[in-house]
Amino acid sequence: GKQREFVAVLASGGTLNYGGSVKGRFTISRDD
């Protein structure tokens, strides 16, 4: 019943960003 919500992004260049509701609690990472 809710809209899709952005959580986190990891750009190919390494830039990270988070949705406001999860910032400080969630971490996105990549293992090549």
Full PDB file with SEQRES, HELIX, SHEET, SSBOND, CRYST1, ORIGX, SCALE, CONECT and MASTER records, all heavy atoms in Angstrom:
SEQRES   1 A   32  GLY LYS GLN ARG GLU PHE VAL ALA VAL LEU ALA SER GLY          
SEQRES   2 A   32  GLY THR LEU ASN TYR GLY GLY SER VAL LYS GLY ARG PHE          
SEQRES   3 A   32  THR ILE SER ARG ASP ASP                                      
SHEET    1 AA1 2 ALA A   8  LEU A  10  0                                        
SHEET    2 AA1 2 LEU A  16  TYR A  18 -1                                        
CRYST1    1.000    1.000    1.000  90.00  90.00  90.00 P 1           1          
ORIGX1      1.000000  0.000000  0.000000        0.00000                         
ORIGX2      0.000000  1.000000  0.000000        0.00000                         
ORIGX3      0.000000  0.000000  1.000000        0.00000                         
SCALE1      1.000000  0.000000  0.000000        0.00000                         
SCALE2      0.000000  1.000000  0.000000        0.00000                         
SCALE3      0.000000  0.000000  1.000000        0.00000                         
ATOM      1  N   GLY A   1       0.774  -1.224   0.000  1.00  0.00           N  
ATOM      2  CA  GLY A   1       0.000   0.000   0.000  1.00  0.00           C  
ATOM      3  C   GLY A   1       0.806   1.274   0.000  1.00  0.00           C  
ATOM      4  O   GLY A   1       0.224   2.358   0.104  1.00  0.00           O  
ATOM      5  N   LYS A   2       2.125   1.178  -0.116  1.00  0.00           N  
ATOM      6  CA  LYS A   2       2.962   2.363  -0.075  1.00  0.00           C  
ATOM      7  C   LYS A   2       3.773   2.504  -1.354  1.00  0.00           C  
ATOM      8  O   LYS A   2       3.969   1.542  -2.097  1.00  0.00           O  
ATOM      9  CB  LYS A   2       3.900   2.318   1.135  1.00  0.00           C  
ATOM     10  CG  LYS A   2       3.182   2.348   2.470  1.00  0.00           C  
ATOM     11  CD  LYS A   2       4.145   2.527   3.619  1.00  0.00           C  
ATOM     12  CE  LYS A   2       3.404   2.664   4.934  1.00  0.00           C  
ATOM     13  NZ  LYS A   2       4.325   2.897   6.060  1.00  0.00           N  
ATOM     14  N   GLN A   3       4.238   3.717  -1.588  1.00  0.00           N  
ATOM     15  CA  GLN A   3       5.083   3.992  -2.737  1.00  0.00           C  
ATOM     16  C   GLN A   3       6.448   3.330  -2.569  1.00  0.00           C  
ATOM     17  O   GLN A   3       6.927   3.126  -1.448  1.00  0.00           O  
ATOM     18  CB  GLN A   3       5.270   5.498  -2.913  1.00  0.00           C  
ATOM     19  CG  GLN A   3       4.003   6.275  -3.228  1.00  0.00           C  
ATOM     20  CD  GLN A   3       3.651   6.239  -4.699  1.00  0.00           C  
ATOM     21  OE1 GLN A   3       4.352   5.638  -5.506  1.00  0.00           O  
ATOM     22  NE2 GLN A   3       2.565   6.882  -5.058  1.00  0.00           N  
ATOM     23  N   ARG A   4       7.059   3.002  -3.681  1.00  0.00           N  
ATOM     24  CA  ARG A   4       8.424   2.528  -3.661  1.00  0.00           C  
ATOM     25  C   ARG A   4       9.327   3.616  -3.095  1.00  0.00           C  
ATOM     26  O   ARG A   4       9.204   4.788  -3.468  1.00  0.00           O  
ATOM     27  CB  ARG A   4       8.870   2.155  -5.076  1.00  0.00           C  
ATOM     28  CG  ARG A   4      10.231   1.493  -5.150  1.00  0.00           C  
ATOM     29  CD  ARG A   4      10.619   1.246  -6.597  1.00  0.00           C  
ATOM     30  NE  ARG A   4      10.865   2.494  -7.305  1.00  0.00           N  
ATOM     31  CZ  ARG A   4      10.948   2.600  -8.622  1.00  0.00           C  
ATOM     32  NH1 ARG A   4      10.780   1.532  -9.386  1.00  0.00           N  
ATOM     33  NH2 ARG A   4      11.193   3.780  -9.176  1.00  0.00           N  
ATOM     34  N   GLU A   5      10.232   3.234  -2.215  1.00  0.00           N  
ATOM     35  CA  GLU A   5      11.068   4.180  -1.507  1.00  0.00           C  
ATOM     36  C   GLU A   5      12.541   3.913  -1.798  1.00  0.00           C  
ATOM     37  O   GLU A   5      13.014   2.776  -1.693  1.00  0.00           O  
ATOM     38  CB  GLU A   5      10.820   4.097   0.002  1.00  0.00           C  
ATOM     39  CG  GLU A   5      11.653   5.061   0.829  1.00  0.00           C  
ATOM     40  CD  GLU A   5      11.448   4.888   2.324  1.00  0.00           C  
ATOM     41  OE1 GLU A   5      10.776   3.915   2.720  1.00  0.00           O  
ATOM     42  OE2 GLU A   5      11.956   5.731   3.090  1.00  0.00           O  
ATOM     43  N   PHE A   6      13.256   4.962  -2.135  1.00  0.00           N  
ATOM     44  CA  PHE A   6      14.693   4.871  -2.314  1.00  0.00           C  
ATOM     45  C   PHE A   6      15.370   4.611  -0.976  1.00  0.00           C  
ATOM     46  O   PHE A   6      15.082   5.270   0.022  1.00  0.00           O  
ATOM     47  CB  PHE A   6      15.230   6.170  -2.925  1.00  0.00           C  
ATOM     48  CG  PHE A   6      16.720   6.293  -2.884  1.00  0.00           C  
ATOM     49  CD1 PHE A   6      17.521   5.574  -3.755  1.00  0.00           C  
ATOM     50  CD2 PHE A   6      17.329   7.136  -1.965  1.00  0.00           C  
ATOM     51  CE1 PHE A   6      18.899   5.689  -3.719  1.00  0.00           C  
ATOM     52  CE2 PHE A   6      18.707   7.263  -1.925  1.00  0.00           C  
ATOM     53  CZ  PHE A   6      19.484   6.534  -2.803  1.00  0.00           C  
ATOM     54  N   VAL A   7      16.304   3.658  -0.964  1.00  0.00           N  
ATOM     55  CA  VAL A   7      17.011   3.293   0.255  1.00  0.00           C  
ATOM     56  C   VAL A   7      18.478   3.693   0.185  1.00  0.00           C  
ATOM     57  O   VAL A   7      18.982   4.375   1.078  1.00  0.00           O  
ATOM     58  CB  VAL A   7      16.892   1.784   0.541  1.00  0.00           C  
ATOM     59  CG1 VAL A   7      17.747   1.396   1.750  1.00  0.00           C  
ATOM     60  CG2 VAL A   7      15.433   1.401   0.766  1.00  0.00           C  
ATOM     61  N   ALA A   8      19.175   3.262  -0.865  1.00  0.00           N  
ATOM     62  CA  ALA A   8      20.609   3.509  -0.946  1.00  0.00           C  
ATOM     63  C   ALA A   8      21.085   3.332  -2.375  1.00  0.00           C  
ATOM     64  O   ALA A   8      20.496   2.581  -3.152  1.00  0.00           O  
ATOM     65  CB  ALA A   8      21.384   2.571  -0.019  1.00  0.00           C  
ATOM     66  N   VAL A   9      22.162   4.021  -2.724  1.00  0.00           N  
ATOM     67  CA  VAL A   9      22.787   3.863  -4.026  1.00  0.00           C  
ATOM     68  C   VAL A   9      24.298   3.806  -3.865  1.00  0.00           C  
ATOM     69  O   VAL A   9      24.875   4.538  -3.055  1.00  0.00           O  
ATOM     70  CB  VAL A   9      22.382   5.003  -4.999  1.00  0.00           C  
ATOM     71  CG1 VAL A   9      22.750   6.376  -4.438  1.00  0.00           C  
ATOM     72  CG2 VAL A   9      23.003   4.793  -6.373  1.00  0.00           C  
ATOM     73  N   LEU A  10      24.918   2.921  -4.625  1.00  0.00           N  
ATOM     74  CA  LEU A  10      26.368   2.849  -4.746  1.00  0.00           C  
ATOM     75  C   LEU A  10      26.700   3.047  -6.210  1.00  0.00           C  
ATOM     76  O   LEU A  10      26.417   2.180  -7.042  1.00  0.00           O  
ATOM     77  CB  LEU A  10      26.894   1.512  -4.231  1.00  0.00           C  
ATOM     78  CG  LEU A  10      28.383   1.216  -4.441  1.00  0.00           C  
ATOM     79  CD1 LEU A  10      29.252   2.301  -3.837  1.00  0.00           C  
ATOM     80  CD2 LEU A  10      28.732  -0.141  -3.857  1.00  0.00           C  
ATOM     81  N   ALA A  11      27.271   4.185  -6.535  1.00  0.00           N  
ATOM     82  CA  ALA A  11      27.641   4.478  -7.908  1.00  0.00           C  
ATOM     83  C   ALA A  11      28.907   3.729  -8.291  1.00  0.00           C  
ATOM     84  O   ALA A  11      29.710   3.342  -7.432  1.00  0.00           O  
ATOM     85  CB  ALA A  11      27.838   5.979  -8.089  1.00  0.00           C  
ATOM     86  N   SER A  12      29.084   3.527  -9.581  1.00  0.00           N  
ATOM     87  CA  SER A  12      30.254   2.801 -10.064  1.00  0.00           C  
ATOM     88  C   SER A  12      31.549   3.488  -9.666  1.00  0.00           C  
ATOM     89  O   SER A  12      32.570   2.822  -9.481  1.00  0.00           O  
ATOM     90  CB  SER A  12      30.182   2.632 -11.581  1.00  0.00           C  
ATOM     91  OG  SER A  12      30.147   3.891 -12.236  1.00  0.00           O  
ATOM     92  N   GLY A  13      31.500   4.817  -9.523  1.00  0.00           N  
ATOM     93  CA  GLY A  13      32.667   5.558  -9.093  1.00  0.00           C  
ATOM     94  C   GLY A  13      32.906   5.557  -7.603  1.00  0.00           C  
ATOM     95  O   GLY A  13      33.900   6.123  -7.143  1.00  0.00           O  
ATOM     96  N   GLY A  14      32.012   4.963  -6.835  1.00  0.00           N  
ATOM     97  CA  GLY A  14      32.191   4.843  -5.400  1.00  0.00           C  
ATOM     98  C   GLY A  14      31.352   5.770  -4.549  1.00  0.00           C  
ATOM     99  O   GLY A  14      31.366   5.655  -3.323  1.00  0.00           O  
ATOM    100  N   THR A  15      30.622   6.677  -5.165  1.00  0.00           N  
ATOM    101  CA  THR A  15      29.786   7.603  -4.416  1.00  0.00           C  
ATOM    102  C   THR A  15      28.632   6.865  -3.747  1.00  0.00           C  
ATOM    103  O   THR A  15      27.993   6.013  -4.363  1.00  0.00           O  
ATOM    104  CB  THR A  15      29.247   8.702  -5.336  1.00  0.00           C  
ATOM    105  OG1 THR A  15      30.342   9.425  -5.893  1.00  0.00           O  
ATOM    106  CG2 THR A  15      28.352   9.662  -4.568  1.00  0.00           C  
ATOM    107  N   LEU A  16      28.361   7.210  -2.495  1.00  0.00           N  
ATOM    108  CA  LEU A  16      27.279   6.618  -1.719  1.00  0.00           C  
ATOM    109  C   LEU A  16      26.232   7.669  -1.390  1.00  0.00           C  
ATOM    110  O   LEU A  16      26.557   8.830  -1.158  1.00  0.00           O  
ATOM    111  CB  LEU A  16      27.806   6.040  -0.405  1.00  0.00           C  
ATOM    112  CG  LEU A  16      29.005   5.095  -0.469  1.00  0.00           C  
ATOM    113  CD1 LEU A  16      29.479   4.768   0.938  1.00  0.00           C  
ATOM    114  CD2 LEU A  16      28.647   3.831  -1.231  1.00  0.00           C  
ATOM    115  N   ASN A  17      24.979   7.240  -1.346  1.00  0.00           N  
ATOM    116  CA  ASN A  17      23.919   8.113  -0.889  1.00  0.00           C  
ATOM    117  C   ASN A  17      22.806   7.256  -0.312  1.00  0.00           C  
ATOM    118  O   ASN A  17      22.648   6.093  -0.688  1.00  0.00           O  
ATOM    119  CB  ASN A  17      23.390   8.994  -2.013  1.00  0.00           C  
ATOM    120  CG  ASN A  17      22.852  10.315  -1.506  1.00  0.00           C  
ATOM    121  OD1 ASN A  17      22.660  10.518  -0.311  1.00  0.00           O  
ATOM    122  ND2 ASN A  17      22.599  11.236  -2.429  1.00  0.00           N  
ATOM    123  N   TYR A  18      22.021   7.858   0.608  1.00  0.00           N  
ATOM    124  CA  TYR A  18      20.994   7.125   1.337  1.00  0.00           C  
ATOM    125  C   TYR A  18      19.718   7.928   1.440  1.00  0.00           C  
ATOM    126  O   TYR A  18      19.739   9.163   1.444  1.00  0.00           O  
ATOM    127  CB  TYR A  18      21.477   6.792   2.754  1.00  0.00           C  
ATOM    128  CG  TYR A  18      22.714   5.945   2.784  1.00  0.00           C  
ATOM    129  CD1 TYR A  18      23.977   6.529   2.833  1.00  0.00           C  
ATOM    130  CD2 TYR A  18      22.625   4.558   2.740  1.00  0.00           C  
ATOM    131  CE1 TYR A  18      25.119   5.742   2.850  1.00  0.00           C  
ATOM    132  CE2 TYR A  18      23.770   3.769   2.755  1.00  0.00           C  
ATOM    133  CZ  TYR A  18      25.009   4.374   2.807  1.00  0.00           C  
ATOM    134  OH  TYR A  18      26.137   3.593   2.817  1.00  0.00           O  
ATOM    135  N   GLY A  19      18.606   7.207   1.519  1.00  0.00           N  
ATOM    136  CA  GLY A  19      17.361   7.858   1.818  1.00  0.00           C  
ATOM    137  C   GLY A  19      17.346   8.381   3.243  1.00  0.00           C  
ATOM    138  O   GLY A  19      17.991   7.827   4.136  1.00  0.00           O  
ATOM    139  N   GLY A  20      16.603   9.456   3.443  1.00  0.00           N  
ATOM    140  CA  GLY A  20      16.612  10.118   4.735  1.00  0.00           C  
ATOM    141  C   GLY A  20      16.171   9.245   5.897  1.00  0.00           C  
ATOM    142  O   GLY A  20      16.672   9.398   7.019  1.00  0.00           O  
ATOM    143  N   SER A  21      15.272   8.316   5.661  1.00  0.00           N  
ATOM    144  CA  SER A  21      14.751   7.491   6.739  1.00  0.00           C  
ATOM    145  C   SER A  21      15.724   6.417   7.203  1.00  0.00           C  
ATOM    146  O   SER A  21      15.527   5.829   8.273  1.00  0.00           O  
ATOM    147  CB  SER A  21      13.428   6.842   6.320  1.00  0.00           C  
ATOM    148  OG  SER A  21      13.618   5.953   5.235  1.00  0.00           O  
ATOM    149  N   VAL A  22      16.767   6.142   6.428  1.00  0.00           N  
ATOM    150  CA  VAL A  22      17.722   5.094   6.785  1.00  0.00           C  
ATOM    151  C   VAL A  22      19.122   5.631   7.002  1.00  0.00           C  
ATOM    152  O   VAL A  22      20.003   4.877   7.445  1.00  0.00           O  
ATOM    153  CB  VAL A  22      17.753   3.972   5.730  1.00  0.00           C  
ATOM    154  CG1 VAL A  22      16.348   3.459   5.447  1.00  0.00           C  
ATOM    155  CG2 VAL A  22      18.421   4.444   4.442  1.00  0.00           C  
ATOM    156  N   LYS A  23      19.345   6.885   6.718  1.00  0.00           N  
ATOM    157  CA  LYS A  23      20.672   7.474   6.842  1.00  0.00           C  
ATOM    158  C   LYS A  23      21.190   7.338   8.269  1.00  0.00           C  
ATOM    159  O   LYS A  23      20.488   7.635   9.233  1.00  0.00           O  
ATOM    160  CB  LYS A  23      20.623   8.938   6.418  1.00  0.00           C  
ATOM    161  CG  LYS A  23      21.976   9.578   6.188  1.00  0.00           C  
ATOM    162  CD  LYS A  23      21.816  10.961   5.554  1.00  0.00           C  
ATOM    163  CE  LYS A  23      21.160  10.872   4.184  1.00  0.00           C  
ATOM    164  NZ  LYS A  23      21.044  12.200   3.520  1.00  0.00           N  
ATOM    165  N   GLY A  24      22.419   6.877   8.380  1.00  0.00           N  
ATOM    166  CA  GLY A  24      23.027   6.661   9.681  1.00  0.00           C  
ATOM    167  C   GLY A  24      22.804   5.280  10.238  1.00  0.00           C  
ATOM    168  O   GLY A  24      23.468   4.897  11.218  1.00  0.00           O  
ATOM    169  N   ARG A  25      21.893   4.520   9.663  1.00  0.00           N  
ATOM    170  CA  ARG A  25      21.604   3.170  10.131  1.00  0.00           C  
ATOM    171  C   ARG A  25      21.978   2.098   9.111  1.00  0.00           C  
ATOM    172  O   ARG A  25      22.331   0.982   9.497  1.00  0.00           O  
ATOM    173  CB  ARG A  25      20.120   3.026  10.479  1.00  0.00           C  
ATOM    174  CG  ARG A  25      19.656   3.964  11.585  1.00  0.00           C  
ATOM    175  CD  ARG A  25      18.218   3.647  12.000  1.00  0.00           C  
ATOM    176  NE  ARG A  25      17.266   3.861  10.911  1.00  0.00           N  
ATOM    177  CZ  ARG A  25      16.473   2.916  10.401  1.00  0.00           C  
ATOM    178  NH1 ARG A  25      16.502   1.682  10.902  1.00  0.00           N  
ATOM    179  NH2 ARG A  25      15.627   3.210   9.421  1.00  0.00           N  
ATOM    180  N   PHE A  26      21.873   2.411   7.817  1.00  0.00           N  
ATOM    181  CA  PHE A  26      22.133   1.445   6.747  1.00  0.00           C  
ATOM    182  C   PHE A  26      23.429   1.801   6.032  1.00  0.00           C  
ATOM    183  O   PHE A  26      23.795   2.982   5.921  1.00  0.00           O  
ATOM    184  CB  PHE A  26      21.003   1.444   5.718  1.00  0.00           C  
ATOM    185  CG  PHE A  26      19.688   0.866   6.196  1.00  0.00           C  
ATOM    186  CD1 PHE A  26      19.449   0.604   7.531  1.00  0.00           C  
ATOM    187  CD2 PHE A  26      18.688   0.601   5.268  1.00  0.00           C  
ATOM    188  CE1 PHE A  26      18.233   0.083   7.953  1.00  0.00           C  
ATOM    189  CE2 PHE A  26      17.477   0.077   5.678  1.00  0.00           C  
ATOM    190  CZ  PHE A  26      17.238  -0.181   7.015  1.00  0.00           C  
ATOM    191  N   THR A  27      24.099   0.773   5.509  1.00  0.00           N  
ATOM    192  CA  THR A  27      25.323   0.965   4.746  1.00  0.00           C  
ATOM    193  C   THR A  27      25.299   0.078   3.511  1.00  0.00           C  
ATOM    194  O   THR A  27      25.077  -1.131   3.616  1.00  0.00           O  
ATOM    195  CB  THR A  27      26.570   0.632   5.582  1.00  0.00           C  
ATOM    196  OG1 THR A  27      26.580   1.414   6.780  1.00  0.00           O  
ATOM    197  CG2 THR A  27      27.836   0.923   4.781  1.00  0.00           C  
ATOM    198  N   ILE A  28      25.545   0.674   2.351  1.00  0.00           N  
ATOM    199  CA  ILE A  28      25.649  -0.087   1.113  1.00  0.00           C  
ATOM    200  C   ILE A  28      27.122  -0.291   0.784  1.00  0.00           C  
ATOM    201  O   ILE A  28      27.950   0.602   1.009  1.00  0.00           O  
ATOM    202  CB  ILE A  28      24.904   0.614  -0.043  1.00  0.00           C  
ATOM    203  CG1 ILE A  28      24.861  -0.283  -1.294  1.00  0.00           C  
ATOM    204  CG2 ILE A  28      25.517   1.972  -0.357  1.00  0.00           C  
ATOM    205  CD1 ILE A  28      23.950   0.258  -2.400  1.00  0.00           C  
ATOM    206  N   SER A  29      27.458  -1.463   0.263  1.00  0.00           N  
ATOM    207  CA  SER A  29      28.838  -1.768  -0.083  1.00  0.00           C  
ATOM    208  C   SER A  29      28.874  -2.769  -1.226  1.00  0.00           C  
ATOM    209  O   SER A  29      27.857  -3.381  -1.571  1.00  0.00           O  
ATOM    210  CB  SER A  29      29.611  -2.306   1.123  1.00  0.00           C  
ATOM    211  OG  SER A  29      29.054  -3.534   1.575  1.00  0.00           O  
ATOM    212  N   ARG A  30      30.048  -2.950  -1.806  1.00  0.00           N  
ATOM    213  CA  ARG A  30      30.228  -3.860  -2.924  1.00  0.00           C  
ATOM    214  C   ARG A  30      31.470  -4.697  -2.707  1.00  0.00           C  
ATOM    215  O   ARG A  30      32.514  -4.189  -2.272  1.00  0.00           O  
ATOM    216  CB  ARG A  30      30.343  -3.059  -4.236  1.00  0.00           C  
ATOM    217  CG  ARG A  30      30.394  -3.917  -5.487  1.00  0.00           C  
ATOM    218  CD  ARG A  30      30.534  -3.049  -6.737  1.00  0.00           C  
ATOM    219  NE  ARG A  30      31.868  -2.481  -6.858  1.00  0.00           N  
ATOM    220  CZ  ARG A  30      32.140  -1.193  -6.886  1.00  0.00           C  
ATOM    221  NH1 ARG A  30      31.155  -0.300  -6.800  1.00  0.00           N  
ATOM    222  NH2 ARG A  30      33.390  -0.778  -7.002  1.00  0.00           N  
ATOM    223  N   ASP A  31      31.374  -5.980  -3.020  1.00  0.00           N  
ATOM    224  CA  ASP A  31      32.509  -6.889  -2.985  1.00  0.00           C  
ATOM    225  C   ASP A  31      32.784  -7.331  -4.422  1.00  0.00           C  
ATOM    226  O   ASP A  31      32.031  -8.127  -4.984  1.00  0.00           O  
ATOM    227  CB  ASP A  31      32.214  -8.092  -2.090  1.00  0.00           C  
ATOM    228  CG  ASP A  31      33.409  -9.004  -1.910  1.00  0.00           C  
ATOM    229  OD1 ASP A  31      34.355  -8.954  -2.721  1.00  0.00           O  
ATOM    230  OD2 ASP A  31      33.401  -9.783  -0.940  1.00  0.00           O  
ATOM    231  N   ASP A  32      33.846  -6.803  -5.004  1.00  0.00           N  
ATOM    232  CA  ASP A  32      34.139  -7.107  -6.403  1.00  0.00           C  
ATOM    233  C   ASP A  32      34.521  -8.570  -6.611  1.00  0.00           C  
ATOM    234  O   ASP A  32      34.278  -9.131  -7.683  1.00  0.00           O  
ATOM    235  CB  ASP A  32      35.262  -6.206  -6.913  1.00  0.00           C  
ATOM    236  CG  ASP A  32      34.829  -4.760  -7.045  1.00  0.00           C  
ATOM    237  OD1 ASP A  32      33.625  -4.510  -7.260  1.00  0.00           O  
ATOM    238  OD2 ASP A  32      35.694  -3.867  -6.941  1.00  0.00           O  
TER     239      ASP A  32                                                      
MASTER        0    0    0    0    2    0    0    6  238    1    0    3          
END                                                                             
